[in-house]
Amino acid sequence: MSDKIIHLTDDSFDTDVLKADGAILVDFWAEWCGRVK
């Protein structure tokens, strides 16, 4: 399944997420977020 993981950028988000066919799961995170630590 890890072969399906892609790293999004500002430039690729529209094409890879908003214009994608089918269901998409996006995991947003930030190093400074307490829940992530």
PDB file of N, CA and C in Angstrom:
ATOM      1  N   MET A   1       0.818  -1.199   0.000  1.00  0.00           N
ATOM      2  CA  MET A   1       0.000   0.000   0.000  1.00  0.00           C
ATOM      3  C   MET A   1       0.859   1.258   0.000  1.00  0.00           C
ATOM      4  N   SER A   2       2.057   1.192   0.555  1.00  0.00           N
ATOM      5  CA  SER A   2       2.905   2.379   0.622  1.00  0.00           C
ATOM      6  C   SER A   2       3.332   2.868  -0.754  1.00  0.00           C
ATOM      7  N   ASP A   3       3.201   2.029  -1.772  1.00  0.00           N
ATOM      8  CA  ASP A   3       3.534   2.476  -3.122  1.00  0.00           C
ATOM      9  C   ASP A   3       2.504   3.463  -3.658  1.00  0.00           C
ATOM     10  N   LYS A   4       1.381   3.612  -2.957  1.00  0.00           N
ATOM     11  CA  LYS A   4       0.330   4.547  -3.357  1.00  0.00           C
ATOM     12  C   LYS A   4       0.458   5.899  -2.659  1.00  0.00           C
ATOM     13  N   ILE A   5       1.395   6.037  -1.737  1.00  0.00           N
ATOM     14  CA  ILE A   5       1.583   7.283  -0.995  1.00  0.00           C
ATOM     15  C   ILE A   5       2.361   8.267  -1.861  1.00  0.00           C
ATOM     16  N   ILE A   6       1.835   9.480  -1.959  1.00  0.00           N
ATOM     17  CA  ILE A   6       2.540  10.534  -2.687  1.00  0.00           C
ATOM     18  C   ILE A   6       2.704  11.734  -1.761  1.00  0.00           C
ATOM     19  N   HIS A   7       3.719  12.498  -1.984  1.00  0.00           N
ATOM     20  CA  HIS A   7       3.953  13.722  -1.223  1.00  0.00           C
ATOM     21  C   HIS A   7       3.469  14.885  -2.072  1.00  0.00           C
ATOM     22  N   LEU A   8       2.516  15.623  -1.529  1.00  0.00           N
ATOM     23  CA  LEU A   8       1.911  16.736  -2.253  1.00  0.00           C
ATOM     24  C   LEU A   8       2.699  18.019  -2.052  1.00  0.00           C
ATOM     25  N   THR A   9       2.600  18.875  -3.035  1.00  0.00           N
ATOM     26  CA  THR A   9       3.173  20.214  -2.960  1.00  0.00           C
ATOM     27  C   THR A   9       2.079  21.204  -3.329  1.00  0.00           C
ATOM     28  N   ASP A  10       2.356  22.471  -3.160  1.00  0.00           N
ATOM     29  CA  ASP A  10       1.399  23.494  -3.585  1.00  0.00           C
ATOM     30  C   ASP A  10       1.077  23.343  -5.068  1.00  0.00           C
ATOM     31  N   ASP A  11       2.077  22.995  -5.849  1.00  0.00           N
ATOM     32  CA  ASP A  11       1.891  22.875  -7.295  1.00  0.00           C
ATOM     33  C   ASP A  11       1.120  21.620  -7.698  1.00  0.00           C
ATOM     34  N   SER A  12       1.232  20.541  -6.927  1.00  0.00           N
ATOM     35  CA  SER A  12       0.606  19.283  -7.327  1.00  0.00           C
ATOM     36  C   SER A  12      -0.752  19.027  -6.668  1.00  0.00           C
ATOM     37  N   PHE A  13      -1.126  19.795  -5.656  1.00  0.00           N
ATOM     38  CA  PHE A  13      -2.357  19.536  -4.906  1.00  0.00           C
ATOM     39  C   PHE A  13      -3.590  19.552  -5.801  1.00  0.00           C
ATOM     40  N   ASP A  14      -3.709  20.528  -6.651  1.00  0.00           N
ATOM     41  CA  ASP A  14      -4.884  20.650  -7.517  1.00  0.00           C
ATOM     42  C   ASP A  14      -5.036  19.426  -8.412  1.00  0.00           C
ATOM     43  N   THR A  15      -3.974  19.029  -9.054  1.00  0.00           N
ATOM     44  CA  THR A  15      -4.018  17.891  -9.968  1.00  0.00           C
ATOM     45  C   THR A  15      -4.163  16.567  -9.227  1.00  0.00           C
ATOM     46  N   ASP A  16      -3.374  16.359  -8.193  1.00  0.00           N
ATOM     47  CA  ASP A  16      -3.346  15.068  -7.504  1.00  0.00           C
ATOM     48  C   ASP A  16      -4.524  14.841  -6.569  1.00  0.00           C
ATOM     49  N   VAL A  17      -5.154  15.902  -6.079  1.00  0.00           N
ATOM     50  CA  VAL A  17      -6.252  15.747  -5.127  1.00  0.00           C
ATOM     51  C   VAL A  17      -7.574  16.244  -5.706  1.00  0.00           C
ATOM     52  N   LEU A  18      -7.640  17.504  -6.059  1.00  0.00           N
ATOM     53  CA  LEU A  18      -8.910  18.089  -6.481  1.00  0.00           C
ATOM     54  C   LEU A  18      -9.425  17.533  -7.799  1.00  0.00           C
ATOM     55  N   LYS A  19      -8.547  17.135  -8.691  1.00  0.00           N
ATOM     56  CA  LYS A  19      -8.968  16.613  -9.990  1.00  0.00           C
ATOM     57  C   LYS A  19      -8.829  15.095 -10.098  1.00  0.00           C
ATOM     58  N   ALA A  20      -8.564  14.426  -8.996  1.00  0.00           N
ATOM     59  CA  ALA A  20      -8.366  12.974  -9.005  1.00  0.00           C
ATOM     60  C   ALA A  20      -9.702  12.248  -9.126  1.00  0.00           C
ATOM     61  N   ASP A  21      -9.668  11.101  -9.767  1.00  0.00           N
ATOM     62  CA  ASP A  21     -10.839  10.227  -9.832  1.00  0.00           C
ATOM     63  C   ASP A  21     -10.837   9.334  -8.599  1.00  0.00           C
ATOM     64  N   GLY A  22     -11.987   9.151  -7.991  1.00  0.00           N
ATOM     65  CA  GLY A  22     -12.083   8.259  -6.844  1.00  0.00           C
ATOM     66  C   GLY A  22     -11.841   8.965  -5.529  1.00  0.00           C
ATOM     67  N   ALA A  23     -11.796   8.160  -4.487  1.00  0.00           N
ATOM     68  CA  ALA A  23     -11.620   8.678  -3.129  1.00  0.00           C
ATOM     69  C   ALA A  23     -10.149   8.986  -2.856  1.00  0.00           C
ATOM     70  N   ILE A  24      -9.927  10.062  -2.125  1.00  0.00           N
ATOM     71  CA  ILE A  24      -8.579  10.500  -1.767  1.00  0.00           C
ATOM     72  C   ILE A  24      -8.547  10.744  -0.258  1.00  0.00           C
ATOM     73  N   LEU A  25      -7.500  10.305   0.393  1.00  0.00           N
ATOM     74  CA  LEU A  25      -7.282  10.586   1.807  1.00  0.00           C
ATOM     75  C   LEU A  25      -6.039  11.450   1.920  1.00  0.00           C
ATOM     76  N   VAL A  26      -6.192  12.624   2.541  1.00  0.00           N
ATOM     77  CA  VAL A  26      -5.061  13.531   2.724  1.00  0.00           C
ATOM     78  C   VAL A  26      -4.806  13.650   4.221  1.00  0.00           C
ATOM     79  N   ASP A  27      -3.578  13.408   4.627  1.00  0.00           N
ATOM     80  CA  ASP A  27      -3.180  13.521   6.027  1.00  0.00           C
ATOM     81  C   ASP A  27      -2.337  14.780   6.175  1.00  0.00           C
ATOM     82  N   PHE A  28      -2.925  15.810   6.775  1.00  0.00           N
ATOM     83  CA  PHE A  28      -2.210  17.058   7.023  1.00  0.00           C
ATOM     84  C   PHE A  28      -1.515  16.956   8.375  1.00  0.00           C
ATOM     85  N   TRP A  29      -0.280  17.435   8.457  1.00  0.00           N
ATOM     86  CA  TRP A  29       0.446  17.426   9.722  1.00  0.00           C
ATOM     87  C   TRP A  29       1.454  18.559   9.739  1.00  0.00           C
ATOM     88  N   ALA A  30       1.904  18.863  10.944  1.00  0.00           N
ATOM     89  CA  ALA A  30       2.939  19.884  11.114  1.00  0.00           C
ATOM     90  C   ALA A  30       3.803  19.490  12.303  1.00  0.00           C
ATOM     91  N   GLU A  31       5.097  19.710  12.198  1.00  0.00           N
ATOM     92  CA  GLU A  31       6.017  19.349  13.278  1.00  0.00           C
ATOM     93  C   GLU A  31       5.694  20.072  14.577  1.00  0.00           C
ATOM     94  N   TRP A  32       5.163  21.295  14.483  1.00  0.00           N
ATOM     95  CA  TRP A  32       4.886  22.085  15.672  1.00  0.00           C
ATOM     96  C   TRP A  32       3.583  21.684  16.361  1.00  0.00           C
ATOM     97  N   CYS A  33       2.789  20.822  15.741  1.00  0.00           N
ATOM     98  CA  CYS A  33       1.492  20.423  16.290  1.00  0.00           C
ATOM     99  C   CYS A  33       1.685  19.463  17.462  1.00  0.00           C
ATOM    100  N   GLY A  34       1.106  19.772  18.601  1.00  0.00           N
ATOM    101  CA  GLY A  34       1.249  18.946  19.789  1.00  0.00           C
ATOM    102  C   GLY A  34       0.724  17.530  19.627  1.00  0.00           C
ATOM    103  N   ARG A  35      -0.339  17.343  18.857  1.00  0.00           N
ATOM    104  CA  ARG A  35      -0.910  16.013  18.656  1.00  0.00           C
ATOM    105  C   ARG A  35       0.017  15.123  17.841  1.00  0.00           C
ATOM    106  N   VAL A  36       0.869  15.700  17.027  1.00  0.00           N
ATOM    107  CA  VAL A  36       1.770  14.931  16.176  1.00  0.00           C
ATOM    108  C   VAL A  36       2.989  14.450  16.953  1.00  0.00           C
ATOM    109  N   LYS A  37       3.396  15.216  17.938  1.00  0.00           N
ATOM    110  CA  LYS A  37       4.628  14.892  18.687  1.00  0.00           C
ATOM    111  C   LYS A  37       4.481  13.648  19.501  1.00  0.00           C
TER     112      LYS A  37
END
